[in-house]
N, C-alpha and C. Protein backbone atom coordinates (compact mmCIF):
# COMPACT_ATOMS: atom_id res chain seq x y z
N MET A 1 -1.56 -41.32 4.43
CA MET A 1 -1.53 -39.95 3.93
C MET A 1 -2.58 -39.80 2.84
N THR A 2 -3.41 -38.76 2.97
CA THR A 2 -4.46 -38.55 1.97
C THR A 2 -3.87 -37.94 0.71
N ALA A 3 -4.68 -37.94 -0.32
CA ALA A 3 -4.22 -37.38 -1.60
C ALA A 3 -3.93 -35.89 -1.48
N ALA A 4 -4.70 -35.20 -0.66
CA ALA A 4 -4.47 -33.76 -0.49
C ALA A 4 -3.12 -33.49 0.14
N TRP A 5 -2.78 -34.23 1.20
CA TRP A 5 -1.49 -34.02 1.85
C TRP A 5 -0.34 -34.46 0.95
N LEU A 6 -0.55 -35.47 0.17
CA LEU A 6 0.48 -35.90 -0.78
C LEU A 6 0.71 -34.79 -1.81
N THR A 7 -0.36 -34.17 -2.26
CA THR A 7 -0.24 -33.06 -3.22
C THR A 7 0.50 -31.89 -2.59
N VAL A 8 0.17 -31.54 -1.35
CA VAL A 8 0.85 -30.45 -0.66
C VAL A 8 2.34 -30.76 -0.52
N ALA A 9 2.69 -31.96 -0.13
CA ALA A 9 4.09 -32.34 0.01
C ALA A 9 4.82 -32.28 -1.33
N LEU A 10 4.17 -32.74 -2.39
CA LEU A 10 4.77 -32.71 -3.71
C LEU A 10 4.99 -31.28 -4.19
N VAL A 11 4.02 -30.42 -3.99
CA VAL A 11 4.17 -29.02 -4.39
C VAL A 11 5.27 -28.34 -3.58
N ALA A 12 5.34 -28.64 -2.29
CA ALA A 12 6.41 -28.07 -1.46
C ALA A 12 7.78 -28.53 -1.95
N ALA A 13 7.91 -29.80 -2.26
CA ALA A 13 9.18 -30.32 -2.76
C ALA A 13 9.55 -29.68 -4.09
N MET A 14 8.57 -29.49 -4.95
CA MET A 14 8.84 -28.85 -6.25
C MET A 14 9.25 -27.39 -6.05
N ALA A 15 8.68 -26.71 -5.08
CA ALA A 15 9.06 -25.32 -4.80
C ALA A 15 10.49 -25.23 -4.33
N VAL A 16 10.90 -26.16 -3.47
CA VAL A 16 12.27 -26.17 -2.99
C VAL A 16 13.24 -26.44 -4.14
N VAL A 17 12.90 -27.38 -4.99
CA VAL A 17 13.75 -27.69 -6.15
C VAL A 17 13.84 -26.50 -7.09
N ALA A 18 12.71 -25.82 -7.31
CA ALA A 18 12.71 -24.66 -8.21
C ALA A 18 13.55 -23.53 -7.64
N LYS A 19 13.47 -23.30 -6.33
CA LYS A 19 14.27 -22.24 -5.72
C LYS A 19 15.76 -22.58 -5.73
N ALA A 20 16.09 -23.83 -5.60
CA ALA A 20 17.49 -24.23 -5.57
C ALA A 20 18.08 -24.32 -6.98
N ALA A 21 17.24 -24.45 -7.99
CA ALA A 21 17.74 -24.64 -9.35
C ALA A 21 18.53 -23.43 -9.85
N GLY A 22 18.08 -22.23 -9.52
CA GLY A 22 18.77 -21.03 -10.01
C GLY A 22 20.22 -20.96 -9.58
N PRO A 23 20.47 -20.97 -8.26
CA PRO A 23 21.88 -20.92 -7.84
C PRO A 23 22.71 -22.11 -8.30
N VAL A 24 22.11 -23.28 -8.35
CA VAL A 24 22.87 -24.46 -8.77
C VAL A 24 23.23 -24.36 -10.25
N LEU A 25 22.29 -23.95 -11.08
CA LEU A 25 22.54 -23.88 -12.52
C LEU A 25 23.44 -22.71 -12.89
N LEU A 26 23.29 -21.59 -12.19
CA LEU A 26 24.10 -20.42 -12.54
C LEU A 26 25.50 -20.49 -11.96
N GLY A 27 25.65 -21.06 -10.79
CA GLY A 27 26.97 -21.21 -10.19
C GLY A 27 27.67 -19.89 -9.94
N GLY A 28 26.96 -18.85 -9.52
CA GLY A 28 27.58 -17.57 -9.20
C GLY A 28 27.72 -16.63 -10.39
N ARG A 29 27.32 -17.04 -11.58
CA ARG A 29 27.41 -16.16 -12.74
C ARG A 29 26.26 -15.15 -12.71
N GLU A 30 26.48 -14.01 -13.34
CA GLU A 30 25.44 -12.99 -13.47
C GLU A 30 24.45 -13.40 -14.57
N LEU A 31 23.21 -13.02 -14.36
CA LEU A 31 22.20 -13.25 -15.39
C LEU A 31 22.40 -12.26 -16.53
N PRO A 32 22.07 -12.64 -17.74
CA PRO A 32 22.15 -11.68 -18.85
C PRO A 32 21.18 -10.52 -18.61
N GLU A 33 21.51 -9.35 -19.15
CA GLU A 33 20.71 -8.14 -18.93
C GLU A 33 19.25 -8.30 -19.36
N PRO A 34 18.94 -8.90 -20.53
CA PRO A 34 17.52 -9.05 -20.89
C PRO A 34 16.74 -9.90 -19.87
N VAL A 35 17.38 -10.91 -19.33
CA VAL A 35 16.71 -11.76 -18.33
C VAL A 35 16.49 -10.98 -17.04
N ARG A 36 17.46 -10.17 -16.64
CA ARG A 36 17.30 -9.37 -15.42
C ARG A 36 16.18 -8.35 -15.57
N ARG A 37 16.02 -7.76 -16.76
CA ARG A 37 14.93 -6.81 -16.97
C ARG A 37 13.58 -7.49 -16.87
N ILE A 38 13.48 -8.70 -17.41
CA ILE A 38 12.22 -9.44 -17.34
C ILE A 38 11.91 -9.82 -15.89
N ILE A 39 12.89 -10.28 -15.17
CA ILE A 39 12.69 -10.67 -13.78
C ILE A 39 12.29 -9.47 -12.93
N ALA A 40 12.82 -8.29 -13.25
CA ALA A 40 12.50 -7.09 -12.47
C ALA A 40 11.03 -6.70 -12.58
N VAL A 41 10.41 -6.97 -13.72
CA VAL A 41 9.00 -6.59 -13.88
C VAL A 41 8.05 -7.77 -13.68
N LEU A 42 8.58 -8.94 -13.44
CA LEU A 42 7.73 -10.12 -13.32
C LEU A 42 6.81 -10.06 -12.12
N ALA A 43 7.31 -9.69 -10.96
CA ALA A 43 6.48 -9.66 -9.75
C ALA A 43 5.35 -8.65 -9.86
N PRO A 44 5.59 -7.40 -10.29
CA PRO A 44 4.46 -6.47 -10.42
C PRO A 44 3.43 -6.92 -11.46
N VAL A 45 3.88 -7.52 -12.53
CA VAL A 45 2.94 -7.99 -13.56
C VAL A 45 2.08 -9.13 -13.02
N LEU A 46 2.69 -10.06 -12.31
CA LEU A 46 1.92 -11.16 -11.72
C LEU A 46 0.93 -10.66 -10.68
N LEU A 47 1.36 -9.69 -9.87
CA LEU A 47 0.46 -9.11 -8.88
C LEU A 47 -0.71 -8.41 -9.55
N ALA A 48 -0.45 -7.67 -10.61
CA ALA A 48 -1.53 -7.00 -11.34
C ALA A 48 -2.48 -8.01 -11.95
N ALA A 49 -1.96 -9.10 -12.47
CA ALA A 49 -2.82 -10.14 -13.04
C ALA A 49 -3.69 -10.78 -11.97
N LEU A 50 -3.12 -11.04 -10.80
CA LEU A 50 -3.92 -11.62 -9.71
C LEU A 50 -5.02 -10.65 -9.26
N ILE A 51 -4.69 -9.37 -9.16
CA ILE A 51 -5.69 -8.38 -8.76
C ILE A 51 -6.79 -8.29 -9.81
N ALA A 52 -6.42 -8.24 -11.08
CA ALA A 52 -7.43 -8.15 -12.14
C ALA A 52 -8.33 -9.38 -12.15
N THR A 53 -7.75 -10.54 -11.91
CA THR A 53 -8.56 -11.76 -11.87
C THR A 53 -9.54 -11.74 -10.71
N GLN A 54 -9.11 -11.26 -9.56
CA GLN A 54 -10.00 -11.20 -8.40
C GLN A 54 -11.06 -10.12 -8.55
N ILE A 55 -10.72 -9.01 -9.20
CA ILE A 55 -11.67 -7.91 -9.33
C ILE A 55 -12.69 -8.18 -10.42
N PHE A 56 -12.25 -8.61 -11.58
CA PHE A 56 -13.14 -8.71 -12.73
C PHE A 56 -13.55 -10.13 -13.10
N GLY A 57 -12.94 -11.13 -12.51
CA GLY A 57 -13.24 -12.50 -12.89
C GLY A 57 -14.35 -13.10 -12.06
N ALA A 58 -15.25 -13.78 -12.73
CA ALA A 58 -16.32 -14.51 -12.05
C ALA A 58 -16.52 -15.80 -12.83
N GLY A 59 -15.69 -16.77 -12.55
CA GLY A 59 -15.76 -18.01 -13.32
C GLY A 59 -15.21 -17.79 -14.71
N ARG A 60 -16.05 -18.01 -15.69
CA ARG A 60 -15.62 -17.82 -17.08
C ARG A 60 -16.17 -16.54 -17.68
N SER A 61 -16.68 -15.64 -16.85
CA SER A 61 -17.25 -14.41 -17.37
C SER A 61 -16.56 -13.20 -16.75
N LEU A 62 -16.79 -12.06 -17.35
CA LEU A 62 -16.24 -10.80 -16.87
C LEU A 62 -17.31 -10.08 -16.07
N THR A 63 -16.96 -9.65 -14.87
CA THR A 63 -17.91 -8.99 -13.99
C THR A 63 -17.36 -7.64 -13.56
N VAL A 64 -18.17 -6.61 -13.73
CA VAL A 64 -17.81 -5.28 -13.25
C VAL A 64 -18.83 -4.93 -12.18
N ASP A 65 -18.37 -4.82 -10.93
CA ASP A 65 -19.27 -4.54 -9.83
C ASP A 65 -18.62 -3.54 -8.88
N ALA A 66 -19.01 -3.57 -7.63
CA ALA A 66 -18.52 -2.61 -6.64
C ALA A 66 -17.01 -2.72 -6.45
N ARG A 67 -16.45 -3.88 -6.66
CA ARG A 67 -15.01 -4.03 -6.49
C ARG A 67 -14.24 -3.19 -7.50
N ALA A 68 -14.79 -3.04 -8.71
CA ALA A 68 -14.15 -2.21 -9.73
C ALA A 68 -14.14 -0.74 -9.30
N VAL A 69 -15.21 -0.30 -8.65
CA VAL A 69 -15.26 1.07 -8.13
C VAL A 69 -14.19 1.26 -7.07
N GLY A 70 -14.06 0.30 -6.17
CA GLY A 70 -13.03 0.38 -5.14
C GLY A 70 -11.64 0.41 -5.74
N LEU A 71 -11.42 -0.39 -6.76
CA LEU A 71 -10.11 -0.41 -7.42
C LEU A 71 -9.82 0.95 -8.05
N ALA A 72 -10.82 1.53 -8.71
CA ALA A 72 -10.62 2.84 -9.34
C ALA A 72 -10.33 3.92 -8.30
N VAL A 73 -11.06 3.91 -7.20
CA VAL A 73 -10.83 4.90 -6.14
C VAL A 73 -9.45 4.70 -5.51
N GLY A 74 -9.07 3.46 -5.26
CA GLY A 74 -7.74 3.21 -4.71
C GLY A 74 -6.64 3.64 -5.65
N ALA A 75 -6.80 3.37 -6.94
CA ALA A 75 -5.80 3.78 -7.92
C ALA A 75 -5.72 5.30 -8.00
N ALA A 76 -6.88 5.96 -7.95
CA ALA A 76 -6.88 7.43 -7.98
C ALA A 76 -6.20 8.00 -6.74
N ALA A 77 -6.46 7.39 -5.59
CA ALA A 77 -5.82 7.87 -4.36
C ALA A 77 -4.31 7.71 -4.43
N LEU A 78 -3.85 6.61 -4.98
CA LEU A 78 -2.40 6.43 -5.12
C LEU A 78 -1.82 7.38 -6.17
N ALA A 79 -2.60 7.65 -7.22
CA ALA A 79 -2.13 8.60 -8.23
C ALA A 79 -2.01 10.00 -7.65
N LEU A 80 -2.85 10.32 -6.67
CA LEU A 80 -2.78 11.62 -5.99
C LEU A 80 -1.71 11.62 -4.89
N ARG A 81 -0.97 10.52 -4.79
CA ARG A 81 0.13 10.35 -3.84
C ARG A 81 -0.33 10.36 -2.38
N LEU A 82 -1.53 9.84 -2.14
CA LEU A 82 -1.97 9.64 -0.77
C LEU A 82 -1.23 8.44 -0.19
N PRO A 83 -1.11 8.37 1.13
CA PRO A 83 -0.47 7.19 1.73
C PRO A 83 -1.24 5.92 1.39
N ALA A 84 -0.54 4.80 1.38
CA ALA A 84 -1.16 3.53 1.00
C ALA A 84 -2.34 3.18 1.90
N LEU A 85 -2.21 3.44 3.20
CA LEU A 85 -3.31 3.14 4.11
C LEU A 85 -4.54 3.97 3.77
N ALA A 86 -4.35 5.23 3.44
CA ALA A 86 -5.48 6.08 3.05
C ALA A 86 -6.12 5.58 1.76
N ALA A 87 -5.31 5.10 0.83
CA ALA A 87 -5.84 4.57 -0.42
C ALA A 87 -6.66 3.31 -0.18
N VAL A 88 -6.18 2.45 0.71
CA VAL A 88 -6.92 1.22 1.03
C VAL A 88 -8.24 1.56 1.71
N VAL A 89 -8.21 2.51 2.65
CA VAL A 89 -9.44 2.91 3.35
C VAL A 89 -10.42 3.53 2.37
N ALA A 90 -9.94 4.41 1.49
CA ALA A 90 -10.81 5.04 0.50
C ALA A 90 -11.43 3.99 -0.43
N ALA A 91 -10.64 3.02 -0.85
CA ALA A 91 -11.17 1.96 -1.72
C ALA A 91 -12.21 1.13 -1.00
N ALA A 92 -11.97 0.81 0.26
CA ALA A 92 -12.94 0.02 1.03
C ALA A 92 -14.23 0.79 1.24
N VAL A 93 -14.13 2.07 1.54
CA VAL A 93 -15.33 2.90 1.73
C VAL A 93 -16.10 3.00 0.42
N ALA A 94 -15.40 3.23 -0.68
CA ALA A 94 -16.08 3.33 -1.98
C ALA A 94 -16.77 2.03 -2.35
N THR A 95 -16.11 0.92 -2.09
CA THR A 95 -16.72 -0.39 -2.38
C THR A 95 -17.95 -0.61 -1.52
N GLY A 96 -17.83 -0.29 -0.24
CA GLY A 96 -18.97 -0.46 0.67
C GLY A 96 -20.14 0.43 0.29
N LEU A 97 -19.88 1.69 -0.03
CA LEU A 97 -20.95 2.58 -0.44
C LEU A 97 -21.62 2.12 -1.73
N THR A 98 -20.81 1.66 -2.66
CA THR A 98 -21.38 1.17 -3.93
C THR A 98 -22.26 -0.04 -3.69
N ARG A 99 -21.82 -0.94 -2.84
CA ARG A 99 -22.65 -2.12 -2.53
C ARG A 99 -23.92 -1.73 -1.80
N ALA A 100 -23.83 -0.73 -0.94
CA ALA A 100 -25.01 -0.29 -0.19
C ALA A 100 -26.03 0.40 -1.10
N LEU A 101 -25.55 1.09 -2.12
CA LEU A 101 -26.44 1.82 -3.00
C LEU A 101 -27.02 0.97 -4.13
N THR A 102 -26.43 -0.16 -4.38
CA THR A 102 -26.95 -1.00 -5.48
C THR A 102 -27.73 -2.18 -4.96
């Protein structure tokens, strides 16, 4: 087994242990309200952080390019309550046009 496969197996085992730890440690008890509020916003915050890293991150520097234009157009489309598919298409078109013009 190579080091890469050993790493994959180890990470998979750690994920299983982490997922099982909650029910085992809580034993059917409810989480406290402050913890539930944090957990409720954790997924959107992590998703926003991943998007920001992919859009503006370039190694150790900050980059603003055509992807930022696409993000702004997509956010504006969602703010105008357009369907998600329309927002994605508008963002892709805006990104493509910006790349073509620069």
